[in-house]
PDB file of N, CA and C in Angstrom:
ATOM      1  N   UNK A   1       0.793  -1.385   0.177  1.00  0.00           N
ATOM      2  CA  UNK A   1       0.134   0.049   0.110  1.00  0.00           C
ATOM      3  C   UNK A   1       0.748   1.163  -0.117  1.00  0.00           C
ATOM      4  N   UNK A   2       0.506   2.333  -0.306  1.00  0.00           N
ATOM      5  CA  UNK A   2       1.699   3.757  -0.999  1.00  0.00           C
ATOM      6  C   UNK A   2      -0.106   4.591   0.195  1.00  0.00           C
ATOM      7  N   UNK A   3       1.036   5.332   0.899  1.00  0.00           N
ATOM      8  CA  UNK A   3       0.902   6.472   1.253  1.00  0.00           C
ATOM      9  C   UNK A   3       1.371   7.644   0.534  1.00  0.00           C
ATOM     10  N   UNK A   4       0.818   8.754   0.128  1.00  0.00           N
ATOM     11  CA  UNK A   4       1.293   9.637  -0.292  1.00  0.00           C
ATOM     12  C   UNK A   4       0.129  10.914   0.594  1.00  0.00           C
ATOM     13  N   UNK A   5       1.381  12.097   1.050  1.00  0.00           N
ATOM     14  CA  UNK A   5       1.055  13.097   0.818  1.00  0.00           C
ATOM     15  C   UNK A   5       2.082  14.243   2.038  1.00  0.00           C
ATOM     16  N   UNK A   6       1.479  15.339   2.542  1.00  0.00           N
ATOM     17  CA  UNK A   6       2.574  16.152   3.395  1.00  0.00           C
ATOM     18  C   UNK A   6       2.844  15.549   4.746  1.00  0.00           C
ATOM     19  N   UNK A   7       4.382  15.787   4.225  1.00  0.00           N
ATOM     20  CA  UNK A   7       4.780  15.237   5.356  1.00  0.00           C
ATOM     21  C   UNK A   7       5.534  16.589   6.326  1.00  0.00           C
ATOM     22  N   UNK A   8       5.692  15.538   8.123  1.00  0.00           N
ATOM     23  CA  UNK A   8       5.742  16.382   8.815  1.00  0.00           C
ATOM     24  C   UNK A   8       6.457  16.221   9.878  1.00  0.00           C
ATOM     25  N   UNK A   9       7.732  16.659  11.015  1.00  0.00           N
ATOM     26  CA  UNK A   9       8.293  16.477  12.248  1.00  0.00           C
ATOM     27  C   UNK A   9       7.442  16.812  13.199  1.00  0.00           C
ATOM     28  N   UNK A  10       6.776  16.095  14.709  1.00  0.00           N
ATOM     29  CA  UNK A  10       6.635  16.826  14.798  1.00  0.00           C
ATOM     30  C   UNK A  10       6.668  16.199  16.620  1.00  0.00           C
ATOM     31  N   UNK A  11       7.537  16.974  17.734  1.00  0.00           N
ATOM     32  CA  UNK A  11       7.524  16.659  19.206  1.00  0.00           C
ATOM     33  C   UNK A  11       6.335  15.941  19.547  1.00  0.00           C
ATOM     34  N   UNK A  12       7.265  14.730  20.697  1.00  0.00           N
ATOM     35  CA  UNK A  12       6.167  14.426  21.786  1.00  0.00           C
ATOM     36  C   UNK A  12       6.805  14.668  22.588  1.00  0.00           C
ATOM     37  N   UNK A  13       7.257  15.352  23.594  1.00  0.00           N
ATOM     38  CA  UNK A  13       7.586  15.917  24.423  1.00  0.00           C
ATOM     39  C   UNK A  13       6.475  16.320  25.400  1.00  0.00           C
ATOM     40  N   UNK A  14       6.177  15.834  26.261  1.00  0.00           N
ATOM     41  CA  UNK A  14       4.627  16.528  26.864  1.00  0.00           C
ATOM     42  C   UNK A  14       4.026  15.938  26.015  1.00  0.00           C
ATOM     43  N   UNK A  15       3.595  14.926  25.839  1.00  0.00           N
ATOM     44  CA  UNK A  15       2.087  15.146  24.573  1.00  0.00           C
ATOM     45  C   UNK A  15       1.566  16.258  24.059  1.00  0.00           C
ATOM     46  N   UNK A  16       2.849  16.410  23.072  1.00  0.00           N
ATOM     47  CA  UNK A  16       2.546  17.670  22.312  1.00  0.00           C
ATOM     48  C   UNK A  16       1.873  17.563  21.012  1.00  0.00           C
ATOM     49  N   UNK A  17       2.181  16.846  20.646  1.00  0.00           N
ATOM     50  CA  UNK A  17       2.303  16.285  19.419  1.00  0.00           C
ATOM     51  C   UNK A  17       0.159  16.352  18.811  1.00  0.00           C
ATOM     52  N   UNK A  18      -0.597  16.240  20.054  1.00  0.00           N
ATOM     53  CA  UNK A  18      -2.049  15.936  20.008  1.00  0.00           C
ATOM     54  C   UNK A  18      -2.474  17.441  19.275  1.00  0.00           C
ATOM     55  N   UNK A  19      -1.741  18.074  19.693  1.00  0.00           N
ATOM     56  CA  UNK A  19      -2.168  19.558  19.702  1.00  0.00           C
ATOM     57  C   UNK A  19      -1.555  20.374  18.355  1.00  0.00           C
ATOM     58  N   UNK A  20       0.262  20.127  17.854  1.00  0.00           N
ATOM     59  CA  UNK A  20       0.103  20.796  17.286  1.00  0.00           C
ATOM     60  C   UNK A  20      -0.390  19.946  15.676  1.00  0.00           C
ATOM     61  N   UNK A  21      -0.504  18.527  15.825  1.00  0.00           N
ATOM     62  CA  UNK A  21      -0.881  17.402  14.935  1.00  0.00           C
ATOM     63  C   UNK A  21      -2.629  17.956  14.639  1.00  0.00           C
ATOM     64  N   UNK A  22      -3.030  18.273  15.578  1.00  0.00           N
ATOM     65  CA  UNK A  22      -4.443  18.645  15.835  1.00  0.00           C
ATOM     66  C   UNK A  22      -4.746  20.180  14.576  1.00  0.00           C
ATOM     67  N   UNK A  23      -3.635  20.969  15.027  1.00  0.00           N
ATOM     68  CA  UNK A  23      -3.549  22.316  13.406  1.00  0.00           C
ATOM     69  C   UNK A  23      -2.981  21.435  12.675  1.00  0.00           C
ATOM     70  N   UNK A  24      -2.330  20.981  12.053  1.00  0.00           N
ATOM     71  CA  UNK A  24      -1.996  20.274  10.911  1.00  0.00           C
ATOM     72  C   UNK A  24      -2.723  19.452  10.058  1.00  0.00           C
ATOM     73  N   UNK A  25      -4.270  19.537  10.677  1.00  0.00           N
ATOM     74  CA  UNK A  25      -5.347  18.209  10.384  1.00  0.00           C
ATOM     75  C   UNK A  25      -6.585  19.490   9.987  1.00  0.00           C
ATOM     76  N   UNK A  26      -6.241  20.905  10.867  1.00  0.00           N
ATOM     77  CA  UNK A  26      -7.156  21.739  11.141  1.00  0.00           C
ATOM     78  C   UNK A  26      -6.502  22.198   9.513  1.00  0.00           C
ATOM     79  N   UNK A  27      -5.597  22.624   9.263  1.00  0.00           N
ATOM     80  CA  UNK A  27      -5.134  23.232   8.042  1.00  0.00           C
ATOM     81  C   UNK A  27      -5.398  23.115   6.955  1.00  0.00           C
ATOM     82  N   UNK A  28      -5.348  21.671   6.583  1.00  0.00           N
ATOM     83  CA  UNK A  28      -5.455  20.920   5.548  1.00  0.00           C
ATOM     84  C   UNK A  28      -6.937  20.618   5.100  1.00  0.00           C
ATOM     85  N   UNK A  29      -7.705  20.674   6.396  1.00  0.00           N
ATOM     86  CA  UNK A  29      -9.261  20.478   6.269  1.00  0.00           C
ATOM     87  C   UNK A  29      -9.642  21.705   6.048  1.00  0.00           C
ATOM     88  N   UNK A  30      -9.323  22.823   6.138  1.00  0.00           N
ATOM     89  CA  UNK A  30     -10.394  24.189   5.109  1.00  0.00           C
ATOM     90  C   UNK A  30     -10.126  23.629   3.465  1.00  0.00           C
ATOM     91  N   UNK A  31      -8.649  23.132   3.062  1.00  0.00           N
ATOM     92  CA  UNK A  31      -8.648  23.006   1.562  1.00  0.00           C
ATOM     93  C   UNK A  31      -9.613  21.644   1.225  1.00  0.00           C
ATOM     94  N   UNK A  32      -8.989  20.481   2.241  1.00  0.00           N
ATOM     95  CA  UNK A  32      -9.414  19.012   1.469  1.00  0.00           C
ATOM     96  C   UNK A  32     -10.986  18.674   2.356  1.00  0.00           C
ATOM     97  N   UNK A  33     -10.943  18.812   3.078  1.00  0.00           N
ATOM     98  CA  UNK A  33     -12.476  19.282   3.680  1.00  0.00           C
ATOM     99  C   UNK A  33     -11.823  17.402   4.746  1.00  0.00           C
ATOM    100  N   UNK A  34     -12.349  17.444   6.349  1.00  0.00           N
ATOM    101  CA  UNK A  34     -11.569  16.308   7.343  1.00  0.00           C
ATOM    102  C   UNK A  34     -12.185  14.915   7.258  1.00  0.00           C
ATOM    103  N   UNK A  35     -13.289  14.684   6.325  1.00  0.00           N
ATOM    104  CA  UNK A  35     -13.932  13.610   5.958  1.00  0.00           C
ATOM    105  C   UNK A  35     -12.421  13.180   5.089  1.00  0.00           C
ATOM    106  N   UNK A  36     -12.077  13.929   3.661  1.00  0.00           N
ATOM    107  CA  UNK A  36     -11.326  13.077   3.239  1.00  0.00           C
ATOM    108  C   UNK A  36      -9.941  12.924   3.371  1.00  0.00           C
ATOM    109  N   UNK A  37      -9.439  13.274   4.561  1.00  0.00           N
ATOM    110  CA  UNK A  37      -8.183  13.250   4.998  1.00  0.00           C
ATOM    111  C   UNK A  37      -7.448  11.978   6.220  1.00  0.00           C
ATOM    112  N   UNK A  38      -6.425  11.530   6.112  1.00  0.00           N
ATOM    113  CA  UNK A  38      -6.301  10.571   6.834  1.00  0.00           C
ATOM    114  C   UNK A  38      -4.950  10.815   7.029  1.00  0.00           C
ATOM    115  N   UNK A  39      -4.347  10.820   8.439  1.00  0.00           N
ATOM    116  CA  UNK A  39      -3.039  10.808   8.765  1.00  0.00           C
ATOM    117  C   UNK A  39      -1.680   9.219   8.843  1.00  0.00           C
ATOM    118  N   UNK A  40      -0.856   9.348   8.566  1.00  0.00           N
ATOM    119  CA  UNK A  40      -0.051   8.636   8.965  1.00  0.00           C
ATOM    120  C   UNK A  40       0.965   8.582  10.051  1.00  0.00           C
ATOM    121  N   UNK A  41       1.375   8.660  10.827  1.00  0.00           N
ATOM    122  CA  UNK A  41       2.144   8.208  11.861  1.00  0.00           C
ATOM    123  C   UNK A  41       3.113   7.216  11.943  1.00  0.00           C
ATOM    124  N   UNK A  42       4.565   7.219  12.070  1.00  0.00           N
ATOM    125  CA  UNK A  42       5.294   6.490  11.351  1.00  0.00           C
ATOM    126  C   UNK A  42       6.631   7.145  12.486  1.00  0.00           C
ATOM    127  N   UNK A  43       8.208   6.232  12.222  1.00  0.00           N
ATOM    128  CA  UNK A  43       9.145   6.613  12.823  1.00  0.00           C
ATOM    129  C   UNK A  43       9.372   7.632  13.561  1.00  0.00           C
ATOM    130  N   UNK A  44       9.146   6.731  14.997  1.00  0.00           N
ATOM    131  CA  UNK A  44       8.827   6.925  16.408  1.00  0.00           C
ATOM    132  C   UNK A  44      10.492   7.058  16.489  1.00  0.00           C
ATOM    133  N   UNK A  45      10.662   8.311  17.840  1.00  0.00           N
ATOM    134  CA  UNK A  45      12.066   8.270  18.091  1.00  0.00           C
ATOM    135  C   UNK A  45      11.466   8.776  20.009  1.00  0.00           C
ATOM    136  N   UNK A  46      12.393   8.835  21.122  1.00  0.00           N
ATOM    137  CA  UNK A  46      12.008   9.314  22.056  1.00  0.00           C
ATOM    138  C   UNK A  46      11.382  10.589  22.021  1.00  0.00           C
ATOM    139  N   UNK A  47      11.691  11.854  20.855  1.00  0.00           N
ATOM    140  CA  UNK A  47      10.825  12.953  21.291  1.00  0.00           C
ATOM    141  C   UNK A  47      10.588  13.261  19.846  1.00  0.00           C
ATOM    142  N   UNK A  48       9.996  12.848  19.041  1.00  0.00           N
ATOM    143  CA  UNK A  48       9.679  13.041  18.037  1.00  0.00           C
ATOM    144  C   UNK A  48       8.590  12.245  16.954  1.00  0.00           C
ATOM    145  N   UNK A  49       7.931  12.169  15.991  1.00  0.00           N
ATOM    146  CA  UNK A  49       6.812  11.461  15.428  1.00  0.00           C
ATOM    147  C   UNK A  49       6.898  12.141  13.919  1.00  0.00           C
ATOM    148  N   UNK A  50       7.627  11.601  13.018  1.00  0.00           N
ATOM    149  CA  UNK A  50       7.033  11.706  11.737  1.00  0.00           C
ATOM    150  C   UNK A  50       5.320  11.555  11.014  1.00  0.00           C
ATOM    151  N   UNK A  51       4.852  12.933  10.334  1.00  0.00           N
ATOM    152  CA  UNK A  51       3.587  12.361  10.139  1.00  0.00           C
ATOM    153  C   UNK A  51       3.064  12.910   8.924  1.00  0.00           C
ATOM    154  N   UNK A  52       2.284  12.399   8.553  1.00  0.00           N
ATOM    155  CA  UNK A  52       1.590  12.848   7.253  1.00  0.00           C
ATOM    156  C   UNK A  52       0.591  12.387   6.964  1.00  0.00           C
ATOM    157  N   UNK A  53      -0.500  14.186   6.462  1.00  0.00           N
ATOM    158  CA  UNK A  53      -1.304  13.384   6.140  1.00  0.00           C
ATOM    159  C   UNK A  53      -1.653  13.871   4.848  1.00  0.00           C
ATOM    160  N   UNK A  54      -2.175  12.754   3.961  1.00  0.00           N
ATOM    161  CA  UNK A  54      -3.236  12.600   2.755  1.00  0.00           C
ATOM    162  C   UNK A  54      -4.351  12.920   3.027  1.00  0.00           C
ATOM    163  N   UNK A  55      -4.775  12.491   1.070  1.00  0.00           N
ATOM    164  CA  UNK A  55      -6.368  12.406   0.995  1.00  0.00           C
ATOM    165  C   UNK A  55      -6.743  10.647   1.093  1.00  0.00           C
ATOM    166  N   UNK A  56      -7.839  10.549   1.211  1.00  0.00           N
ATOM    167  CA  UNK A  56      -8.622   9.113   1.050  1.00  0.00           C
ATOM    168  C   UNK A  56      -8.761   9.083  -0.203  1.00  0.00           C
ATOM    169  N   UNK A  57      -9.682  10.080  -1.210  1.00  0.00           N
ATOM    170  CA  UNK A  57      -9.232   9.745  -2.179  1.00  0.00           C
ATOM    171  C   UNK A  57      -8.372  10.790  -3.305  1.00  0.00           C
ATOM    172  N   UNK A  58      -7.736  10.827  -3.889  1.00  0.00           N
ATOM    173  CA  UNK A  58      -6.664  11.740  -4.862  1.00  0.00           C
ATOM    174  C   UNK A  58      -6.308  11.807  -4.109  1.00  0.00           C
ATOM    175  N   UNK A  59      -5.126  12.853  -4.533  1.00  0.00           N
ATOM    176  CA  UNK A  59      -3.810  12.992  -3.975  1.00  0.00           C
ATOM    177  C   UNK A  59      -3.806  14.701  -4.204  1.00  0.00           C
ATOM    178  N   UNK A  60      -2.416  15.074  -3.006  1.00  0.00           N
ATOM    179  CA  UNK A  60      -2.984  16.667  -2.539  1.00  0.00           C
ATOM    180  C   UNK A  60      -1.410  16.717  -2.974  1.00  0.00           C
ATOM    181  N   UNK A  61      -2.333  18.434  -3.953  1.00  0.00           N
ATOM    182  CA  UNK A  61      -0.796  18.893  -4.581  1.00  0.00           C
ATOM    183  C   UNK A  61       0.424  19.438  -4.893  1.00  0.00           C
ATOM    184  N   UNK A  62       0.278  19.447  -3.229  1.00  0.00           N
ATOM    185  CA  UNK A  62       2.081  19.780  -2.577  1.00  0.00           C
ATOM    186  C   UNK A  62       2.609  18.863  -2.114  1.00  0.00           C
ATOM    187  N   UNK A  63       2.021  17.510  -2.193  1.00  0.00           N
ATOM    188  CA  UNK A  63       2.651  16.038  -1.776  1.00  0.00           C
ATOM    189  C   UNK A  63       3.787  16.190  -1.557  1.00  0.00           C
ATOM    190  N   UNK A  64       4.830  15.756  -0.415  1.00  0.00           N
ATOM    191  CA  UNK A  64       6.571  15.708  -0.740  1.00  0.00           C
ATOM    192  C   UNK A  64       6.524  14.257   0.120  1.00  0.00           C
ATOM    193  N   UNK A  65       5.862  13.404   0.202  1.00  0.00           N
ATOM    194  CA  UNK A  65       6.325  12.043  -0.028  1.00  0.00           C
ATOM    195  C   UNK A  65       5.766  10.895   0.174  1.00  0.00           C
ATOM    196  N   UNK A  66       5.977   9.803  -0.487  1.00  0.00           N
ATOM    197  CA  UNK A  66       5.309   8.644  -0.630  1.00  0.00           C
ATOM    198  C   UNK A  66       6.217   7.372   0.719  1.00  0.00           C
ATOM    199  N   UNK A  67       4.863   6.984   1.359  1.00  0.00           N
ATOM    200  CA  UNK A  67       5.192   5.758   2.096  1.00  0.00           C
ATOM    201  C   UNK A  67       4.391   4.572   1.747  1.00  0.00           C
ATOM    202  N   UNK A  68       6.022   3.607   1.737  1.00  0.00           N
ATOM    203  CA  UNK A  68       5.335   2.050   1.375  1.00  0.00           C
ATOM    204  C   UNK A  68       5.038   1.171   2.488  1.00  0.00           C
ATOM    205  N   UNK A  69       3.883   1.207   2.562  1.00  0.00           N
ATOM    206  CA  UNK A  69       2.802   0.256   3.880  1.00  0.00           C
ATOM    207  C   UNK A  69       2.785  -0.714   4.145  1.00  0.00           C
ATOM    208  N   UNK A  70       2.490  -2.013   4.856  1.00  0.00           N
ATOM    209  CA  UNK A  70       2.075  -3.518   4.471  1.00  0.00           C
ATOM    210  C   UNK A  70       0.768  -3.639   4.029  1.00  0.00           C
ATOM    211  N   UNK A  71       0.729  -4.378   3.239  1.00  0.00           N
ATOM    212  CA  UNK A  71      -0.891  -4.423   2.865  1.00  0.00           C
ATOM    213  C   UNK A  71      -1.529  -5.278   3.547  1.00  0.00           C
ATOM    214  N   UNK A  72      -1.010  -6.121   4.556  1.00  0.00           N
ATOM    215  CA  UNK A  72      -1.544  -7.337   5.562  1.00  0.00           C
ATOM    216  C   UNK A  72      -1.387  -6.655   6.775  1.00  0.00           C
ATOM    217  N   UNK A  73      -1.891  -7.224   7.659  1.00  0.00           N
ATOM    218  CA  UNK A  73      -1.418  -7.307   9.247  1.00  0.00           C
ATOM    219  C   UNK A  73      -2.234  -6.114  10.238  1.00  0.00           C
ATOM    220  N   UNK A  74      -2.630  -5.169   9.586  1.00  0.00           N
ATOM    221  CA  UNK A  74      -3.276  -4.035  10.732  1.00  0.00           C
ATOM    222  C   UNK A  74      -4.671  -4.163  11.508  1.00  0.00           C
ATOM    223  N   UNK A  75      -4.233  -3.950  12.419  1.00  0.00           N
ATOM    224  CA  UNK A  75      -5.697  -4.215  13.122  1.00  0.00           C
ATOM    225  C   UNK A  75      -6.393  -2.409  13.075  1.00  0.00           C
ATOM    226  N   UNK A  76      -7.711  -2.148  13.929  1.00  0.00           N
ATOM    227  CA  UNK A  76      -8.532  -1.246  13.532  1.00  0.00           C
ATOM    228  C   UNK A  76      -9.456  -1.117  14.951  1.00  0.00           C
ATOM    229  N   UNK A  77      -9.030   0.350  15.552  1.00  0.00           N
ATOM    230  CA  UNK A  77     -10.332   0.763  16.542  1.00  0.00           C
ATOM    231  C   UNK A  77     -11.000   1.600  15.869  1.00  0.00           C
ATOM    232  N   UNK A  78     -12.037   2.181  16.592  1.00  0.00           N
ATOM    233  CA  UNK A  78     -12.789   3.326  16.315  1.00  0.00           C
ATOM    234  C   UNK A  78     -13.122   3.975  17.605  1.00  0.00           C
ATOM    235  N   UNK A  79     -13.243   4.720  18.127  1.00  0.00           N
ATOM    236  CA  UNK A  79     -14.082   5.741  19.215  1.00  0.00           C
ATOM    237  C   UNK A  79     -14.172   7.330  19.027  1.00  0.00           C
ATOM    238  N   UNK A  80     -14.346   7.497  20.030  1.00  0.00           N
ATOM    239  CA  UNK A  80     -14.510   9.671  20.061  1.00  0.00           C
ATOM    240  C   UNK A  80     -13.180   9.957  20.213  1.00  0.00           C
ATOM    241  N   UNK A  81     -13.524  11.443  19.560  1.00  0.00           N
ATOM    242  CA  UNK A  81     -11.929  12.127  19.040  1.00  0.00           C
ATOM    243  C   UNK A  81     -11.329  12.343  20.543  1.00  0.00           C
ATOM    244  N   UNK A  82     -12.375  12.903  21.473  1.00  0.00           N
ATOM    245  CA  UNK A  82     -12.272  13.241  22.613  1.00  0.00           C
ATOM    246  C   UNK A  82     -11.618  12.580  23.616  1.00  0.00           C
ATOM    247  N   UNK A  83     -11.534  10.822  23.021  1.00  0.00           N
ATOM    248  CA  UNK A  83     -11.050  10.565  23.943  1.00  0.00           C
ATOM    249  C   UNK A  83      -9.539   9.432  23.235  1.00  0.00           C
ATOM    250  N   UNK A  84      -9.231  10.009  22.958  1.00  0.00           N
ATOM    251  CA  UNK A  84      -8.293  10.044  21.872  1.00  0.00           C
ATOM    252  C   UNK A  84      -7.052   9.813  22.500  1.00  0.00           C
ATOM    253  N   UNK A  85      -6.637  10.159  23.344  1.00  0.00           N
ATOM    254  CA  UNK A  85      -5.917   9.467  24.267  1.00  0.00           C
ATOM    255  C   UNK A  85      -5.725   8.556  25.356  1.00  0.00           C
ATOM    256  N   UNK A  86      -6.913   7.865  25.725  1.00  0.00           N
ATOM    257  CA  UNK A  86      -7.211   6.536  26.177  1.00  0.00           C
ATOM    258  C   UNK A  86      -7.415   5.529  25.059  1.00  0.00           C
ATOM    259  N   UNK A  87      -7.507   6.058  24.208  1.00  0.00           N
ATOM    260  CA  UNK A  87      -7.581   5.320  23.099  1.00  0.00           C
ATOM    261  C   UNK A  87      -6.232   4.705  22.699  1.00  0.00           C
ATOM    262  N   UNK A  88      -4.902   5.352  22.298  1.00  0.00           N
ATOM    263  CA  UNK A  88      -4.074   5.472  22.475  1.00  0.00           C
ATOM    264  C   UNK A  88      -3.005   4.676  23.409  1.00  0.00           C
ATOM    265  N   UNK A  89      -3.788   5.258  24.782  1.00  0.00           N
ATOM    266  CA  UNK A  89      -2.908   3.941  25.904  1.00  0.00           C
ATOM    267  C   UNK A  89      -3.003   2.522  25.537  1.00  0.00           C
ATOM    268  N   UNK A  90      -4.900   2.060  25.364  1.00  0.00           N
ATOM    269  CA  UNK A  90      -4.747   0.957  25.330  1.00  0.00           C
ATOM    270  C   UNK A  90      -4.212   0.401  23.848  1.00  0.00           C
ATOM    271  N   UNK A  91      -4.203   0.970  22.403  1.00  0.00           N
ATOM    272  CA  UNK A  91      -3.468   0.413  21.703  1.00  0.00           C
ATOM    273  C   UNK A  91      -1.805   0.267  22.113  1.00  0.00           C
ATOM    274  N   UNK A  92      -1.292   0.933  22.905  1.00  0.00           N
ATOM    275  CA  UNK A  92      -0.120   1.035  23.262  1.00  0.00           C
ATOM    276  C   UNK A  92       0.299  -0.082  24.473  1.00  0.00           C
ATOM    277  N   UNK A  93      -1.022  -0.539  24.646  1.00  0.00           N
ATOM    278  CA  UNK A  93      -0.779  -1.065  25.879  1.00  0.00           C
ATOM    279  C   UNK A  93      -0.095  -2.961  25.692  1.00  0.00           C
ATOM    280  N   UNK A  94      -0.153  -2.767  24.551  1.00  0.00           N
ATOM    281  CA  UNK A  94       0.445  -3.787  23.636  1.00  0.00           C
ATOM    282  C   UNK A  94       1.873  -4.737  23.299  1.00  0.00           C
ATOM    283  N   UNK A  95       2.584  -2.810  23.413  1.00  0.00           N
ATOM    284  CA  UNK A  95       3.595  -2.671  22.562  1.00  0.00           C
ATOM    285  C   UNK A  95       3.841  -1.902  21.644  1.00  0.00           C
ATOM    286  N   UNK A  96       5.080  -1.155  21.491  1.00  0.00           N
ATOM    287  CA  UNK A  96       4.863   0.009  20.403  1.00  0.00           C
ATOM    288  C   UNK A  96       4.468  -0.352  18.503  1.00  0.00           C
ATOM    289  N   UNK A  97       3.957   0.622  18.373  1.00  0.00           N
ATOM    290  CA  UNK A  97       3.641   1.040  16.887  1.00  0.00           C
ATOM    291  C   UNK A  97       4.821   0.674  15.818  1.00  0.00           C
ATOM    292  N   UNK A  98       4.108   0.174  14.789  1.00  0.00           N
ATOM    293  CA  UNK A  98       5.724   0.580  13.268  1.00  0.00           C
ATOM    294  C   UNK A  98       4.871   1.843  12.548  1.00  0.00           C
ATOM    295  N   UNK A  99       3.063   1.228  12.512  1.00  0.00           N
ATOM    296  CA  UNK A  99       2.503   2.842  11.638  1.00  0.00           C
ATOM    297  C   UNK A  99       1.598   2.475  12.511  1.00  0.00           C
ATOM    298  N   UNK A 100       0.596   3.884  11.965  1.00  0.00           N
ATOM    299  CA  UNK A 100      -1.071   3.987  12.305  1.00  0.00           C
ATOM    300  C   UNK A 100      -1.203   5.320  11.488  1.00  0.00           C
ATOM    301  N   UNK A 101      -2.345   4.853  10.869  1.00  0.00           N
ATOM    302  CA  UNK A 101      -3.099   5.682  10.200  1.00  0.00           C
ATOM    303  C   UNK A 101      -4.592   6.335  10.990  1.00  0.00           C
ATOM    304  N   UNK A 102      -4.348   7.340  10.727  1.00  0.00           N
ATOM    305  CA  UNK A 102      -5.449   8.037  12.349  1.00  0.00           C
ATOM    306  C   UNK A 102      -6.580   9.052  10.584  1.00  0.00           C
ATOM    307  N   UNK A 103      -8.222   8.500  11.105  1.00  0.00           N
ATOM    308  CA  UNK A 103      -9.594   9.258  10.362  1.00  0.00           C
ATOM    309  C   UNK A 103      -9.775   9.782  11.151  1.00  0.00           C
ATOM    310  N   UNK A 104     -10.688  10.609  10.886  1.00  0.00           N
ATOM    311  CA  UNK A 104     -11.307  11.988  12.103  1.00  0.00           C
ATOM    312  C   UNK A 104     -12.785  12.744  11.330  1.00  0.00           C
ATOM    313  N   UNK A 105     -13.641  12.466  11.667  1.00  0.00           N
ATOM    314  CA  UNK A 105     -14.871  13.272  11.250  1.00  0.00           C
ATOM    315  C   UNK A 105     -15.141  14.874  12.121  1.00  0.00           C
ATOM    316  N   UNK A 106     -16.514  15.659  11.291  1.00  0.00           N
ATOM    317  CA  UNK A 106     -16.656  16.650  12.057  1.00  0.00           C
ATOM    318  C   UNK A 106     -17.647  16.000  13.117  1.00  0.00           C
ATOM    319  N   UNK A 107     -18.035  15.106  13.459  1.00  0.00           N
ATOM    320  CA  UNK A 107     -19.165  14.896  14.230  1.00  0.00           C
ATOM    321  C   UNK A 107     -18.403  14.145  15.701  1.00  0.00           C
ATOM    322  N   UNK A 108     -16.997  14.279  15.503  1.00  0.00           N
ATOM    323  CA  UNK A 108     -16.413  13.895  17.019  1.00  0.00           C
ATOM    324  C   UNK A 108     -15.713  12.494  16.653  1.00  0.00           C
ATOM    325  N   UNK A 109     -16.200  11.774  15.722  1.00  0.00           N
ATOM    326  CA  UNK A 109     -15.456  10.567  15.220  1.00  0.00           C
ATOM    327  C   UNK A 109     -14.144   9.807  15.121  1.00  0.00           C
ATOM    328  N   UNK A 110     -13.286   9.140  15.167  1.00  0.00           N
ATOM    329  CA  UNK A 110     -12.102   8.658  14.977  1.00  0.00           C
ATOM    330  C   UNK A 110     -11.898   7.386  14.667  1.00  0.00           C
ATOM    331  N   UNK A 111     -11.165   6.722  14.199  1.00  0.00           N
ATOM    332  CA  UNK A 111     -10.858   5.816  13.569  1.00  0.00           C
ATOM    333  C   UNK A 111      -9.323   5.511  13.634  1.00  0.00           C
ATOM    334  N   UNK A 112      -8.411   4.162  14.155  1.00  0.00           N
ATOM    335  CA  UNK A 112      -7.442   4.239  14.294  1.00  0.00           C
ATOM    336  C   UNK A 112      -7.489   3.040  13.577  1.00  0.00           C
ATOM    337  N   UNK A 113      -5.919   2.958  12.679  1.00  0.00           N
ATOM    338  CA  UNK A 113      -5.660   1.547  11.691  1.00  0.00           C
ATOM    339  C   UNK A 113      -4.357   1.790  12.600  1.00  0.00           C
ATOM    340  N   UNK A 114      -3.917   0.536  12.566  1.00  0.00           N
ATOM    341  CA  UNK A 114      -2.349   0.452  13.134  1.00  0.00           C
ATOM    342  C   UNK A 114      -1.871  -0.919  13.577  1.00  0.00           C
ATOM    343  N   UNK A 115      -0.516  -0.891  13.174  1.00  0.00           N
ATOM    344  CA  UNK A 115       0.757  -2.047  12.559  1.00  0.00           C
ATOM    345  C   UNK A 115       1.537  -2.037  13.085  1.00  0.00           C
ATOM    346  N   UNK A 116       1.805  -3.351  13.657  1.00  0.00           N
ATOM    347  CA  UNK A 116       3.272  -3.593  14.489  1.00  0.00           C
ATOM    348  C   UNK A 116       4.025  -3.916  14.205  1.00  0.00           C
TER     349      UNK A 116
END
């Protein structure tokens, strides 16, 4: 599977990524619509995460990265965006991830696909 989009690196110190990645989503949602976006997190370090936002359908004109992902072996959970921290605590209790793909809608729902 190929994931194409715009890549940025975010700090994870003090869980800052929730706010800064949220602002990144808001920026692109104004142009492409939140429900057509998906975000990929990968290459975690002790202090950062690489994060790419791409489209569910189509390509972003300014895309600057293409990440090759596994086709099989993904797990999926869904919930409320306001509970995102709790959702991730539950996901991570079984160990670190190699990749995560997030999708959100304007009604406050989220879906997380993850690969270990």
